[in-house]
Amino acid sequence: MANKNEKKTVSLMDVTEDNFSESLKSVNQFGEDIVKMATEKEEENEKERKAREYSGIKNKAVYLNLSLVARAKYSKKTNEIIAAARNESKALLERVTKGELTALQYDKELGEIIDKQVKEVEKAGKELRSDLEELRNAFPNHWSYNWDNPFQRLNRAIESNK
């Protein structure tokens, strides 16, 4: 006894006027095996899509975390530079108060301190740019520049609220 869902194989050479419609319909019908195969293929495609999506999210999260570490490192260095500049500025003021420096000498030495601190900030900035470039290179074929956008917004907010 044949399975009722089993598809009849019809040779198009055996088609006559009497069985034309029925024969064409039977050729174009989907059997259980085709439906099952299509369903399995759809499920596999969905799994692959979700795996790609998860992989993208994971790469983005790792990248953003490392980017924040690099920026925190830069921020720490700039805070240290600012603290050093503040201490040196206080020391200059004490020297002026003790009568060791004139106003002209104070301005000159303060300018030297600021120049030194600017060079250190530029060095730290160069190191940050190098670190970020290295980080971007660690994620080839990804949208790492686009991933930086949330932090660019955050940095703009920090800068505008100083």
Protein backbone atom coordinates (compact mmCIF):
# COMPACT_ATOMS: atom_id res chain seq x y z
CA MET A 1 0.00 0.00 0.00
CA ALA A 2 1.48 3.37 -1.03
CA ASN A 3 1.72 6.30 1.33
CA LYS A 4 -1.06 8.76 0.51
CA ASN A 5 1.40 11.71 0.71
CA GLU A 6 3.82 10.07 -1.64
CA LYS A 7 4.04 11.98 -4.89
CA LYS A 8 3.29 10.18 -8.12
CA THR A 9 6.02 10.46 -10.68
CA VAL A 10 4.46 11.49 -13.92
CA SER A 11 6.29 11.44 -17.17
CA LEU A 12 5.40 14.43 -19.28
CA MET A 13 5.51 12.10 -22.25
CA ASP A 14 2.48 10.23 -20.86
CA VAL A 15 0.31 13.37 -20.66
CA THR A 16 -2.85 13.22 -22.72
CA GLU A 17 -5.80 15.51 -23.16
CA ASP A 18 -7.68 13.52 -20.55
CA ASN A 19 -5.02 13.77 -17.82
CA PHE A 20 -3.38 17.10 -18.76
CA SER A 21 -4.61 19.21 -15.80
CA GLU A 22 -4.10 16.46 -13.26
CA SER A 23 -0.62 15.66 -14.55
CA LEU A 24 0.57 19.29 -14.44
CA LYS A 25 -0.83 19.73 -10.94
CA SER A 26 0.95 16.60 -9.76
CA VAL A 27 4.26 17.84 -11.23
CA ASN A 28 3.93 21.21 -9.47
CA GLN A 29 2.77 19.90 -6.09
CA PHE A 30 5.13 19.92 -3.14
CA GLY A 31 5.60 16.59 -1.47
CA GLU A 32 6.20 16.09 2.22
CA ASP A 33 9.91 15.60 1.63
CA ILE A 34 10.20 18.95 -0.20
CA VAL A 35 8.26 20.78 2.51
CA LYS A 36 10.43 19.15 5.20
CA MET A 37 13.63 20.02 3.33
CA ALA A 38 12.51 23.64 2.86
CA THR A 39 11.58 23.94 6.53
CA GLU A 40 14.93 22.53 7.61
CA LYS A 41 16.73 24.92 5.25
CA GLU A 42 14.79 27.90 6.67
CA GLU A 43 15.63 26.83 10.23
CA GLU A 44 19.31 26.46 9.32
CA ASN A 45 19.32 29.89 7.63
CA GLU A 46 17.73 31.42 10.75
CA LYS A 47 20.37 29.79 12.99
CA GLU A 48 23.15 31.09 10.75
CA ARG A 49 21.67 34.60 10.77
CA LYS A 50 21.44 34.58 14.57
CA ALA A 51 25.01 33.28 14.85
CA ARG A 52 26.27 36.09 12.58
CA GLU A 53 24.27 38.64 14.55
CA TYR A 54 25.63 37.34 17.88
CA SER A 55 29.17 37.36 16.50
CA GLY A 56 28.75 40.97 15.39
CA ILE A 57 27.40 42.01 18.79
CA LYS A 58 30.22 40.21 20.57
CA ASN A 59 32.89 41.83 18.36
CA LYS A 60 31.34 45.25 18.88
CA ALA A 61 31.17 44.78 22.67
CA VAL A 62 34.80 43.63 22.87
CA TYR A 63 35.92 46.50 20.65
CA LEU A 64 33.99 49.10 22.64
CA ASN A 65 35.31 47.78 25.94
CA LEU A 66 38.91 47.90 24.72
CA SER A 67 38.30 51.35 23.25
CA LEU A 68 37.07 52.55 26.63
CA VAL A 69 40.16 51.10 28.30
CA ALA A 70 42.38 53.02 25.87
CA ARG A 71 40.42 56.22 26.49
CA ALA A 72 40.54 55.72 30.27
CA LYS A 73 44.31 55.26 30.00
CA TYR A 74 44.54 58.55 28.08
CA SER A 75 42.26 60.29 30.56
CA LYS A 76 44.37 59.09 33.47
CA LYS A 77 47.52 60.43 31.80
CA THR A 78 45.93 63.81 31.08
CA ASN A 79 44.69 64.04 34.67
CA GLU A 80 48.22 63.33 35.89
CA ILE A 81 49.57 66.03 33.57
CA ILE A 82 46.98 68.52 34.82
CA ALA A 83 47.80 67.68 38.46
CA ALA A 84 51.52 68.17 37.77
CA ALA A 85 50.83 71.51 36.07
CA ARG A 86 48.70 72.59 39.03
CA ASN A 87 51.46 71.66 41.51
CA GLU A 88 54.13 73.45 39.49
CA SER A 89 51.88 76.51 39.18
CA LYS A 90 51.37 76.54 42.95
CA ALA A 91 55.12 76.29 43.47
CA LEU A 92 55.61 79.27 41.16
CA LEU A 93 53.06 81.29 43.11
CA GLU A 94 54.88 80.48 46.36
CA ARG A 95 58.14 81.68 44.81
CA VAL A 96 56.43 84.92 43.76
CA THR A 97 54.98 85.29 47.28
CA LYS A 98 58.46 84.82 48.81
CA GLY A 99 59.82 87.51 46.48
CA GLU A 100 61.98 85.06 44.50
CA LEU A 101 60.31 85.82 41.14
CA THR A 102 59.16 88.96 39.40
CA ALA A 103 55.95 89.09 37.35
CA LEU A 104 57.96 88.81 34.15
CA GLN A 105 59.89 85.79 35.45
CA TYR A 106 56.63 84.22 36.63
CA ASP A 107 55.04 84.59 33.19
CA LYS A 108 58.13 83.16 31.51
CA GLU A 109 58.36 80.11 33.81
CA LEU A 110 54.60 79.53 33.68
CA GLY A 111 54.81 79.55 29.87
CA GLU A 112 57.60 76.95 30.04
CA ILE A 113 55.52 74.77 32.37
CA ILE A 114 52.50 74.98 30.07
CA ASP A 115 54.64 74.25 26.99
CA LYS A 116 56.04 71.15 28.72
CA GLN A 117 52.55 69.99 29.72
CA VAL A 118 51.20 70.59 26.20
CA LYS A 119 53.97 68.38 24.79
CA GLU A 120 53.08 65.66 27.28
CA VAL A 121 49.38 65.89 26.37
CA GLU A 122 50.26 65.72 22.67
CA LYS A 123 52.44 62.66 23.36
CA ALA A 124 49.57 61.01 25.26
CA GLY A 125 47.17 61.89 22.42
CA LYS A 126 49.53 60.39 19.86
CA GLU A 127 49.72 57.23 21.97
CA LEU A 128 45.90 57.11 22.18
CA ARG A 129 45.55 57.47 18.41
CA SER A 130 48.14 54.73 17.91
CA ASP A 131 46.35 52.45 20.40
CA LEU A 132 42.99 53.04 18.70
CA GLU A 133 44.45 52.41 15.25
CA GLU A 134 45.97 49.17 16.53
CA LEU A 135 42.60 48.24 18.01
CA ARG A 136 40.80 48.95 14.71
CA ASN A 137 43.33 46.79 12.89
CA ALA A 138 42.53 43.95 15.30
CA PHE A 139 38.96 43.95 13.94
CA PRO A 140 39.37 43.71 10.15
CA ASN A 141 36.23 43.64 8.03
CA HIS A 142 34.16 45.21 10.79
CA TRP A 143 32.61 48.65 11.20
CA SER A 144 34.91 49.73 14.02
CA TYR A 145 34.83 53.41 12.98
CA ASN A 146 31.05 53.28 13.12
CA TRP A 147 31.24 51.55 16.50
CA ASP A 148 33.11 54.59 17.87
CA ASN A 149 30.10 56.84 17.30
CA PRO A 150 28.46 56.35 20.71
CA PHE A 151 31.70 57.38 22.39
CA GLN A 152 32.14 60.35 20.11
CA ARG A 153 28.75 61.53 21.36
CA LEU A 154 29.87 60.86 24.94
CA ASN A 155 33.14 62.74 24.40
CA ARG A 156 31.29 65.71 22.90
CA ALA A 157 29.00 65.76 25.94
CA ILE A 158 32.00 65.70 28.29
CA GLU A 159 33.76 68.46 26.36
CA SER A 160 30.68 70.67 26.15
CA ASN A 161 30.04 70.44 29.90
CA LYS A 162 33.48 71.51 31.06
